[in-house]
Amino acid sequence: MSALRESLGFLTSRLRQVGIFVALILIVLLFQVLTDGILLQPQNVTNLVVQNSYILILAIGMVMVIIAGHIDLSVGSIAGFIGAVSGVMIVHWGWAWWIAIPACLLVGALVGAWQGYWIAYVGIPAFIVTLAGMLIFRGLTLITLKNQQITPFPDELRALGGGFLPDISGGTSVLEWLTVILGVGGTAAILFQSIKERRVRRKFNLENEPMAWFATKTAFIAVLMLTITFLLASYRGTPIVLIVLAVLVIAYSALMSNSIFGRHTYAIGGNLHAAELSGIKTKAVTFRLFVNMGVLAALAGLVFTARLNSAQPAGGTGFELDSIAAAFIGGAAVQGGIGTVAGAMIGGLIMGVLNNGMSILGLGTDYQQLIKGLVLLLAVGFDIFNKNRSGGGSTIAKRFKWKTAPSDSAEEPRPAAKTPAAVAAVASPAGAEPVGAQPVGAVENH
C-alpha cells in the first residue's frame, strides 16, 4: 500500500509528462475503436510514420527554439523553398542527388543564419523576423518554381521520403527480419540505458522515482517498441525516414540533456538576464539555434518533396503550425525554459494520429482544424493549470492540489536565478534532470 501511495505521489508530481503519455494512449484507443481497427493495421501504421516524418523533424528544431524563449513561423515556407531549390538543382540543372542533398542543407543553414543574425545580433523579436521570413521564402518558392511544379525526382531521393530498408529474407518470410532485429536491438538498448541511468542516480542519491513506477514505465516502453516493430515488420519493413528520425531524436536528446549548449539553451529560456550575467554567450547560442532550425527545415523539405516526388508551389503550407503544436502539446512551456525532444515527438504523434484518424473517418478539413485547435488549447491550458497547482497560482488550481504529491519532488524547475552566483549554485552537472524540467545548467563560457 505504501508503494502504491509513493507511486501515486510521484505521478502527481510528474503530471505533465504522464499526462501526454496517457493522452496519446487514449487517442489511439479511441480512433482504433472508431475506425473499426483500421488505425493500427500494419499498412496504416507505416503510412502514419511516413506521412508525419517531416512534421516530427521540424518539431525537434522547434522545441529547441521554444525552450530558448523564441518562436519560428517560417519553417513551413523554408521547407517549401528548399523543395523548390532541390527540384531546380536535380531536375533542371542535372545535379546528382548526393550533391544536391548537402547543397540544400547548406542553403537551409544560410537561411537560418540570415534569420538568426537579425534575431540574435540586431535584436528584432523572433516572431517578427520569422513572420517576415514566412512571407519572404513563400515568395521565393513561387519565384523559383515560376508557379509550376517540378517532377520527377530520381529513385534515390524518393527513397528518402517513402523508401524502405531492404528485405533480407527476400520476401519469403511473414515478418521482415531486418526490422525485427532493429526493433529488438533498439528495445534492449533502451532498457539497458534506463537501468544504467537509474543506477547512476541512485549512486549519487539523486533517485526519487519509485521502483514500482520505474518497472511499469520500462515494461510499457518495451511492449510499445515491440508492438511497433511487429506492425512495421508485418508490412514492408522499416521506412528509411524512420531511421533518419531515430538518429535525430537520439542525437538531439543527448545534445539537450548532456551538453553545455543544451544547458545554456535552457538557461536562456529560463532567465535571459541571469544567463547573460553568468557569462553565457546568449547571442551566439540564439544564432546557432536558428541555423540548426534552418537545417532541419531544409531536411523536412527534402523528405516532403521526395515523398510526393514533386516540388510544389504550395509545399510546406501549414507545417509551422503543426510543428509548434507538437512542441506545446509535448510539454514545452510558452515562457521558455521547459521542454524535451522526446516530448515534442509524443506531441507530434498525437497530432499525426488525430490527422490520420479523422481522415479515415472522413471528417472534412473544417472539423479537423476545429478539433486540432481545441486539442492545442487544452494542452496549453493543462500545462498552465498544472503549474498553478504546483506553484500556488490560481484559486481554482489550488482547490485541486493533490495532497499525495510530495512537496520536495515537484517537477517544475526552481525559480530563475537573479545573479551569476545563483545561476552557478543551481547548476548541477553531476545530477540527472527529470524529463521536461531541465534546470539551468553549467555556465562555462564557451
Protein backbone atom coordinates (compact mmCIF):
# COMPACT_ATOMS: atom_id res chain seq x y z
CA MET A 1 0.00 0.00 0.00
CA SER A 2 2.85 2.37 0.82
CA ALA A 3 4.47 1.58 -2.54
CA LEU A 4 1.21 2.46 -4.29
CA ARG A 5 0.92 5.73 -2.37
CA GLU A 6 4.54 6.57 -3.17
CA SER A 7 3.96 5.88 -6.86
CA LEU A 8 0.81 8.00 -6.91
CA GLY A 9 2.65 10.87 -5.26
CA PHE A 10 5.45 10.63 -7.79
CA LEU A 11 3.00 10.51 -10.71
CA THR A 12 1.22 13.57 -9.36
CA SER A 13 4.49 15.50 -9.30
CA ARG A 14 5.15 14.39 -12.91
CA LEU A 15 1.62 15.09 -14.12
CA ARG A 16 2.67 16.90 -17.29
CA GLN A 17 4.82 14.04 -18.63
CA VAL A 18 2.42 11.30 -17.57
CA GLY A 19 -0.48 13.29 -18.99
CA ILE A 20 0.81 13.40 -22.57
CA PHE A 21 1.55 9.65 -22.50
CA VAL A 22 -1.97 8.95 -21.26
CA ALA A 23 -3.44 11.34 -23.84
CA LEU A 24 -1.60 9.57 -26.68
CA ILE A 25 -2.80 6.14 -25.49
CA LEU A 26 -6.40 7.28 -25.11
CA ILE A 27 -6.45 8.95 -28.54
CA VAL A 28 -5.01 5.82 -30.17
CA LEU A 29 -7.57 3.58 -28.44
CA LEU A 30 -10.42 5.95 -29.33
CA PHE A 31 -9.60 6.01 -33.04
CA GLN A 32 -8.86 2.29 -33.05
CA VAL A 33 -12.46 1.73 -31.95
CA LEU A 34 -13.99 4.43 -34.17
CA THR A 35 -12.14 3.20 -37.28
CA ASP A 36 -13.01 -0.47 -36.63
CA GLY A 37 -9.37 -1.41 -36.15
CA ILE A 38 -8.00 0.30 -39.27
CA LEU A 39 -5.78 2.71 -37.34
CA LEU A 40 -3.38 0.03 -36.06
CA GLN A 41 -3.26 -2.09 -39.17
CA PRO A 42 0.37 -2.58 -40.32
CA GLN A 43 -0.03 -0.60 -43.55
CA ASN A 44 -1.69 2.34 -41.80
CA VAL A 45 0.96 2.43 -39.06
CA THR A 46 3.62 2.63 -41.76
CA ASN A 47 1.71 5.42 -43.50
CA LEU A 48 1.36 7.22 -40.17
CA VAL A 49 5.14 7.25 -39.72
CA VAL A 50 5.91 8.31 -43.28
CA GLN A 51 3.20 10.98 -43.50
CA ASN A 52 4.24 12.71 -40.28
CA SER A 53 8.01 12.32 -40.51
CA TYR A 54 8.68 15.85 -41.76
CA ILE A 55 6.50 17.36 -39.01
CA LEU A 56 8.45 15.37 -36.40
CA ILE A 57 11.75 16.58 -37.89
CA LEU A 58 10.54 20.18 -37.67
CA ALA A 59 9.29 19.60 -34.12
CA ILE A 60 12.83 18.72 -32.97
CA GLY A 61 14.18 22.10 -34.00
CA MET A 62 11.04 23.95 -32.96
CA VAL A 63 11.09 22.68 -29.37
CA MET A 64 14.70 23.83 -29.03
CA VAL A 65 13.76 27.29 -30.28
CA ILE A 66 10.78 27.43 -27.90
CA ILE A 67 12.91 26.28 -24.95
CA ALA A 68 15.12 29.31 -25.58
CA GLY A 69 12.05 31.54 -25.44
CA HIS A 70 11.63 32.18 -29.18
CA ILE A 71 9.31 31.02 -31.97
CA ASP A 72 9.79 30.29 -35.67
CA LEU A 73 6.88 30.92 -38.03
CA SER A 74 8.92 30.46 -41.20
CA VAL A 75 9.76 26.74 -41.12
CA GLY A 76 6.95 25.73 -43.48
CA SER A 77 7.97 28.33 -46.05
CA ILE A 78 11.63 27.32 -45.72
CA ALA A 79 10.71 23.66 -46.25
CA GLY A 80 8.77 24.59 -49.39
CA PHE A 81 11.61 26.80 -50.63
CA ILE A 82 14.20 24.05 -50.16
CA GLY A 83 11.92 21.63 -52.01
CA ALA A 84 11.85 24.09 -54.91
CA VAL A 85 15.63 24.52 -54.80
CA SER A 86 16.13 20.74 -54.84
CA GLY A 87 13.87 20.49 -57.89
CA VAL A 88 15.87 23.11 -59.78
CA MET A 89 19.20 21.53 -58.80
CA ILE A 90 18.30 17.93 -59.63
CA VAL A 91 15.74 18.16 -62.44
CA HIS A 92 16.72 21.38 -64.25
CA TRP A 93 20.45 21.53 -63.58
CA GLY A 94 21.04 17.79 -63.60
CA TRP A 95 22.92 17.63 -60.29
CA ALA A 96 23.42 14.21 -58.71
CA TRP A 97 21.16 13.60 -55.71
CA TRP A 98 24.13 13.02 -53.39
CA ILE A 99 25.43 16.51 -54.26
CA ALA A 100 22.03 18.21 -54.16
CA ILE A 101 21.11 16.99 -50.67
CA PRO A 102 24.15 18.54 -48.88
CA ALA A 103 23.75 21.66 -51.03
CA CYS A 104 20.12 22.03 -49.94
CA LEU A 105 21.07 21.55 -46.29
CA LEU A 106 23.71 24.26 -46.73
CA VAL A 107 21.09 26.61 -48.20
CA GLY A 108 18.89 25.84 -45.17
CA ALA A 109 21.78 26.72 -42.86
CA LEU A 110 22.30 30.03 -44.69
CA VAL A 111 18.60 30.82 -44.38
CA GLY A 112 18.74 30.06 -40.66
CA ALA A 113 21.86 32.21 -40.30
CA TRP A 114 20.09 35.10 -42.06
CA GLN A 115 17.19 34.98 -39.63
CA GLY A 116 19.41 34.23 -36.63
CA TYR A 117 21.50 37.32 -37.31
CA TRP A 118 18.50 39.66 -37.17
CA ILE A 119 17.20 37.98 -34.01
CA ALA A 120 20.43 37.48 -32.06
CA TYR A 121 22.61 40.42 -33.05
CA VAL A 122 20.19 43.10 -34.26
CA GLY A 123 17.66 42.36 -31.53
CA ILE A 124 14.47 42.10 -33.58
CA PRO A 125 11.98 39.71 -31.89
CA ALA A 126 11.90 36.23 -33.42
CA PHE A 127 8.16 36.50 -34.02
CA ILE A 128 8.66 39.48 -36.35
CA VAL A 129 11.74 38.13 -38.13
CA THR A 130 10.24 34.70 -38.81
CA LEU A 131 6.88 36.20 -39.80
CA ALA A 132 8.78 38.21 -42.40
CA GLY A 133 10.69 35.07 -43.31
CA MET A 134 7.45 33.18 -43.82
CA LEU A 135 6.42 35.73 -46.45
CA ILE A 136 9.88 36.10 -47.98
CA PHE A 137 10.53 32.40 -48.54
CA ARG A 138 7.00 31.68 -49.68
CA GLY A 139 7.54 34.35 -52.32
CA LEU A 140 10.94 32.91 -53.24
CA THR A 141 9.34 29.47 -53.61
CA LEU A 142 6.85 30.82 -56.14
CA ILE A 143 9.61 32.70 -57.98
CA THR A 144 11.89 29.65 -58.07
CA LEU A 145 9.16 27.33 -59.37
CA LYS A 146 7.59 30.01 -61.60
CA ASN A 147 4.29 28.87 -60.08
CA GLN A 148 4.66 25.38 -61.59
CA GLN A 149 5.60 22.04 -60.03
CA ILE A 150 8.84 20.26 -60.83
CA THR A 151 8.86 16.47 -61.26
CA PRO A 152 10.06 13.67 -61.37
CA PHE A 153 12.92 13.06 -58.96
CA PRO A 154 15.42 10.16 -59.06
CA ASP A 155 14.58 6.99 -57.17
CA GLU A 156 17.47 7.51 -54.72
CA LEU A 157 15.98 10.79 -53.49
CA ARG A 158 12.44 9.42 -53.46
CA ALA A 159 13.63 6.67 -51.15
CA LEU A 160 14.37 9.32 -48.50
CA GLY A 161 10.68 10.14 -48.24
CA GLY A 162 8.98 6.85 -49.00
CA GLY A 163 11.59 4.09 -49.30
CA PHE A 164 12.23 1.09 -47.05
CA LEU A 165 15.27 -0.80 -45.84
CA PRO A 166 16.00 -3.92 -47.93
CA ASP A 167 14.19 -7.14 -47.03
CA ILE A 168 16.97 -9.58 -46.06
CA SER A 169 14.55 -12.51 -46.25
CA GLY A 170 13.89 -11.84 -49.92
CA GLY A 171 10.15 -11.56 -49.34
CA THR A 172 9.79 -15.20 -48.31
CA SER A 173 9.08 -14.55 -44.62
CA VAL A 174 5.89 -13.34 -42.94
CA LEU A 175 7.94 -10.78 -40.99
CA GLU A 176 10.71 -8.57 -42.35
CA TRP A 177 13.65 -9.77 -40.28
CA LEU A 178 15.87 -6.69 -40.54
CA THR A 179 13.07 -4.68 -38.91
CA VAL A 180 12.71 -7.34 -36.20
CA ILE A 181 16.45 -7.24 -35.49
CA LEU A 182 16.49 -3.44 -35.33
CA GLY A 183 13.37 -3.30 -33.17
CA VAL A 184 14.54 -5.91 -30.67
CA GLY A 185 18.02 -4.38 -30.54
CA GLY A 186 16.61 -0.89 -30.02
CA THR A 187 14.33 -2.13 -27.24
CA ALA A 188 17.22 -3.86 -25.50
CA ALA A 189 19.35 -0.70 -25.78
CA ILE A 190 16.60 1.45 -24.26
CA LEU A 191 16.13 -0.98 -21.36
CA PHE A 192 19.87 -1.13 -20.72
CA GLN A 193 20.20 2.65 -20.80
CA SER A 194 17.23 3.13 -18.46
CA ILE A 195 18.63 0.71 -15.90
CA LYS A 196 22.10 2.24 -16.18
CA GLU A 197 20.79 5.78 -15.63
CA ARG A 198 18.76 4.67 -12.62
CA ARG A 199 21.84 3.08 -11.04
CA VAL A 200 23.86 6.26 -11.61
CA ARG A 201 21.16 8.38 -9.99
CA ARG A 202 20.94 6.04 -7.02
CA LYS A 203 24.71 6.09 -6.63
CA PHE A 204 24.66 9.87 -6.20
CA ASN A 205 21.45 9.82 -4.10
CA LEU A 206 19.51 11.58 -6.86
CA GLU A 207 16.92 8.87 -7.45
CA ASN A 208 13.36 9.68 -6.39
CA GLU A 209 11.46 7.51 -8.87
CA PRO A 210 9.63 4.63 -7.11
CA MET A 211 10.68 1.17 -8.23
CA ALA A 212 7.08 0.19 -8.99
CA TRP A 213 6.65 3.10 -11.37
CA PHE A 214 10.07 2.58 -12.96
CA ALA A 215 9.28 -1.08 -13.66
CA THR A 216 5.83 -0.25 -15.05
CA LYS A 217 7.14 2.54 -17.26
CA THR A 218 10.04 0.47 -18.58
CA ALA A 219 7.83 -2.53 -19.32
CA PHE A 220 5.31 -0.32 -21.13
CA ILE A 221 8.03 1.23 -23.31
CA ALA A 222 9.38 -2.23 -24.18
CA VAL A 223 5.93 -3.54 -25.11
CA LEU A 224 5.22 -0.43 -27.19
CA MET A 225 8.53 -0.74 -29.06
CA LEU A 226 8.00 -4.42 -29.80
CA THR A 227 4.42 -3.82 -30.93
CA ILE A 228 5.50 -1.13 -33.38
CA THR A 229 8.29 -3.43 -34.58
CA PHE A 230 5.80 -6.24 -35.24
CA LEU A 231 3.42 -3.94 -37.12
CA LEU A 232 6.17 -2.50 -39.33
CA ALA A 233 7.69 -5.92 -39.98
CA SER A 234 4.27 -7.26 -40.98
CA TYR A 235 4.00 -4.83 -43.90
CA ARG A 236 7.11 -3.66 -45.78
CA GLY A 237 9.64 -3.23 -43.03
CA THR A 238 11.39 -0.11 -41.76
CA PRO A 239 10.93 3.18 -43.62
CA ILE A 240 14.25 4.88 -44.31
CA VAL A 241 12.92 8.15 -42.94
CA LEU A 242 12.23 6.41 -39.62
CA ILE A 243 15.95 5.60 -39.33
CA VAL A 244 16.76 9.25 -40.07
CA LEU A 245 14.26 10.38 -37.46
CA ALA A 246 15.58 7.94 -34.85
CA VAL A 247 19.14 9.20 -35.34
CA LEU A 248 17.96 12.80 -34.97
CA VAL A 249 16.00 12.08 -31.80
CA ILE A 250 18.92 10.28 -30.15
CA ALA A 251 21.45 12.94 -31.16
CA TYR A 252 19.35 15.95 -30.18
CA SER A 253 18.15 14.37 -26.94
CA ALA A 254 21.78 13.85 -25.95
CA LEU A 255 22.64 17.38 -27.08
CA MET A 256 19.93 18.98 -24.96
CA SER A 257 20.48 16.77 -21.91
CA ASN A 258 24.23 16.31 -21.69
CA SER A 259 25.94 19.20 -23.46
CA ILE A 260 26.86 22.71 -22.38
CA PHE A 261 24.99 24.07 -25.41
CA GLY A 262 21.80 22.34 -24.28
CA ARG A 263 22.11 23.63 -20.74
CA HIS A 264 22.80 27.13 -21.98
CA THR A 265 19.65 26.90 -24.11
CA TYR A 266 17.57 26.02 -21.04
CA ALA A 267 19.28 28.81 -19.09
CA ILE A 268 18.43 31.42 -21.73
CA GLY A 269 14.80 30.37 -21.80
CA GLY A 270 14.58 30.24 -18.00
CA ASN A 271 16.04 33.69 -17.36
CA LEU A 272 17.77 35.60 -20.14
CA HIS A 273 19.18 38.33 -17.89
CA ALA A 274 20.64 35.86 -15.40
CA ALA A 275 22.15 33.86 -18.27
CA GLU A 276 23.84 36.98 -19.62
CA LEU A 277 25.19 37.92 -16.19
CA SER A 278 26.55 34.41 -15.71
CA GLY A 279 28.73 34.76 -18.79
CA ILE A 280 26.72 32.70 -21.28
CA LYS A 281 27.11 33.98 -24.84
CA THR A 282 23.37 34.29 -25.35
CA LYS A 283 23.61 35.84 -28.80
CA ALA A 284 25.82 33.05 -30.13
CA VAL A 285 23.54 30.36 -28.70
CA THR A 286 20.46 32.00 -30.22
CA PHE A 287 22.20 32.35 -33.59
CA ARG A 288 23.14 28.66 -33.60
CA LEU A 289 19.61 27.63 -32.67
CA PHE A 290 18.19 29.31 -35.76
CA VAL A 291 20.94 27.95 -38.01
CA ASN A 292 20.03 24.49 -36.71
CA MET A 293 16.35 25.21 -37.31
CA GLY A 294 17.13 26.16 -40.90
CA VAL A 295 18.99 22.88 -41.48
CA LEU A 296 16.15 20.80 -40.01
CA ALA A 297 13.59 22.74 -42.05
CA ALA A 298 15.66 22.00 -45.17
CA LEU A 299 15.76 18.30 -44.28
CA ALA A 300 11.99 18.29 -43.72
CA GLY A 301 11.52 19.97 -47.10
CA LEU A 302 13.64 17.32 -48.81
CA VAL A 303 11.71 14.50 -47.13
CA PHE A 304 8.36 16.03 -48.07
CA THR A 305 9.42 16.67 -51.67
CA ALA A 306 10.86 13.18 -52.01
CA ARG A 307 7.68 11.60 -50.69
CA LEU A 308 5.48 13.50 -53.17
CA ASN A 309 8.05 13.12 -55.97
CA SER A 310 7.27 16.73 -56.77
CA ALA A 311 8.34 20.24 -55.78
CA GLN A 312 5.13 22.25 -55.49
CA PRO A 313 4.40 25.98 -55.07
CA ALA A 314 2.22 25.23 -52.02
CA GLY A 315 4.73 22.84 -50.45
CA GLY A 316 5.19 23.27 -46.70
CA THR A 317 1.99 25.22 -46.15
CA GLY A 318 0.88 24.87 -42.53
CA PHE A 319 3.94 22.93 -41.40
CA GLU A 320 4.88 25.63 -38.92
CA LEU A 321 1.54 25.33 -37.13
CA ASP A 322 1.77 21.56 -36.79
CA SER A 323 5.35 21.68 -35.51
CA ILE A 324 4.57 24.43 -32.99
CA ALA A 325 1.51 22.49 -31.82
CA ALA A 326 3.62 19.33 -31.44
CA ALA A 327 6.12 21.17 -29.22
CA PHE A 328 3.46 22.70 -26.97
CA ILE A 329 1.36 19.54 -26.73
CA GLY A 330 4.57 17.69 -25.85
CA GLY A 331 5.10 19.83 -22.75
CA ALA A 332 7.12 22.86 -23.90
CA ALA A 333 6.36 25.99 -21.89
CA VAL A 334 5.13 29.15 -23.59
CA GLN A 335 7.56 31.23 -21.48
CA GLY A 336 10.53 29.04 -22.44
CA GLY A 337 12.96 27.08 -20.28
CA ILE A 338 10.96 23.83 -20.31
CA GLY A 339 10.59 21.09 -22.92
CA THR A 340 12.21 17.95 -24.30
CA VAL A 341 12.80 16.41 -27.72
CA ALA A 342 11.00 13.23 -26.61
CA GLY A 343 8.01 15.26 -25.51
CA ALA A 344 7.86 17.00 -28.89
CA MET A 345 7.86 13.59 -30.57
CA ILE A 346 4.90 12.49 -28.48
CA GLY A 347 3.11 15.74 -29.29
CA GLY A 348 3.82 15.19 -32.98
CA LEU A 349 2.45 11.65 -32.78
CA ILE A 350 -0.72 12.94 -31.12
CA MET A 351 -1.19 15.40 -33.99
CA GLY A 352 -0.42 12.66 -36.51
CA VAL A 353 -2.90 10.20 -35.01
CA LEU A 354 -5.57 12.92 -34.95
CA ASN A 355 -4.95 13.75 -38.63
CA ASN A 356 -4.86 10.13 -39.70
CA GLY A 357 -7.82 9.00 -37.62
CA MET A 358 -10.06 11.87 -38.69
CA SER A 359 -9.11 11.30 -42.34
CA ILE A 360 -10.08 7.63 -42.05
CA LEU A 361 -13.41 8.66 -40.53
CA GLY A 362 -13.97 11.01 -43.46
CA LEU A 363 -14.11 14.23 -41.46
CA GLY A 364 -13.66 17.37 -43.51
CA THR A 365 -10.79 19.79 -43.04
CA ASP A 366 -13.15 22.20 -41.29
CA TYR A 367 -13.81 19.79 -38.43
CA GLN A 368 -10.19 18.63 -38.41
CA GLN A 369 -8.93 22.17 -37.88
CA LEU A 370 -11.53 22.74 -35.15
CA ILE A 371 -10.56 19.60 -33.23
CA LYS A 372 -6.81 20.18 -33.54
CA GLY A 373 -7.22 23.74 -32.30
CA LEU A 374 -9.18 22.54 -29.27
CA VAL A 375 -6.54 19.90 -28.50
CA LEU A 376 -3.78 22.53 -28.60
CA LEU A 377 -5.77 24.87 -26.37
CA LEU A 378 -6.48 22.11 -23.86
CA ALA A 379 -2.82 21.02 -23.83
CA VAL A 380 -1.53 24.52 -23.04
CA GLY A 381 -4.36 25.08 -20.57
CA PHE A 382 -3.48 21.85 -18.78
CA ASP A 383 0.16 22.92 -18.62
CA ILE A 384 -0.77 26.25 -17.01
CA PHE A 385 -3.23 24.53 -14.65
CA ASN A 386 -0.52 22.11 -13.55
CA LYS A 387 1.93 24.96 -12.90
CA ASN A 388 -0.63 26.82 -10.80
CA ARG A 389 -1.49 23.66 -8.91
CA SER A 390 2.15 23.00 -8.06
CA GLY A 391 3.21 26.60 -7.51
CA GLY A 392 0.18 28.06 -5.79
CA GLY A 393 -1.15 30.10 -8.70
CA SER A 394 -4.86 30.43 -9.38
CA THR A 395 -7.59 29.82 -6.82
CA ILE A 396 -9.25 27.14 -8.96
CA ALA A 397 -5.99 25.22 -9.33
CA LYS A 398 -5.35 25.37 -5.58
CA ARG A 399 -8.64 23.63 -4.90
CA PHE A 400 -7.48 20.67 -6.97
CA LYS A 401 -3.99 20.40 -5.47
CA TRP A 402 -3.44 16.70 -4.72
CA LYS A 403 -2.16 16.06 -1.25
CA THR A 404 -0.37 12.90 -2.36
CA ALA A 405 2.30 14.92 -4.16
CA PRO A 406 5.46 15.20 -2.04
CA SER A 407 6.47 18.82 -1.61
CA ASP A 408 10.12 18.21 -2.35
CA SER A 409 9.68 16.36 -5.63
CA ALA A 410 7.81 18.94 -7.65
CA GLU A 411 8.58 18.62 -11.27
CA GLU A 412 8.77 22.32 -12.06
CA PRO A 413 12.24 23.88 -12.26
CA ARG A 414 13.47 26.08 -9.48
CA PRO A 415 12.74 29.82 -9.68
CA ALA A 416 15.04 31.55 -12.12
CA ALA A 417 18.24 32.80 -10.62
CA LYS A 418 18.84 36.56 -10.49
CA THR A 419 22.63 36.69 -10.10
CA PRO A 420 25.59 34.85 -11.59
CA ALA A 421 26.30 33.25 -8.24
CA ALA A 422 22.75 31.99 -8.03
CA VAL A 423 22.95 30.54 -11.51
CA ALA A 424 26.16 28.76 -10.64
CA ALA A 425 24.54 27.40 -7.49
CA VAL A 426 21.64 25.99 -9.47
CA ALA A 427 24.00 24.24 -11.92
CA SER A 428 24.43 20.59 -11.07
CA PRO A 429 26.37 18.83 -13.82
CA ALA A 430 26.54 15.58 -11.89
CA GLY A 431 22.77 15.38 -11.47
CA ALA A 432 20.23 13.85 -13.77
CA GLU A 433 17.37 16.20 -14.57
CA PRO A 434 13.76 14.98 -14.67
CA VAL A 435 12.16 14.83 -18.08
CA GLY A 436 10.64 18.10 -19.21
CA ALA A 437 12.14 20.23 -16.43
CA GLN A 438 15.79 20.76 -17.14
CA PRO A 439 17.42 23.09 -14.62
CA VAL A 440 19.66 25.95 -15.53
CA GLY A 441 22.83 24.08 -16.43
CA ALA A 442 26.54 24.57 -16.39
CA VAL A 443 27.64 28.09 -17.08
CA GLU A 444 31.05 27.69 -18.63
CA ASN A 445 31.76 30.45 -21.11
CA HIS A 446 32.25 28.66 -24.40
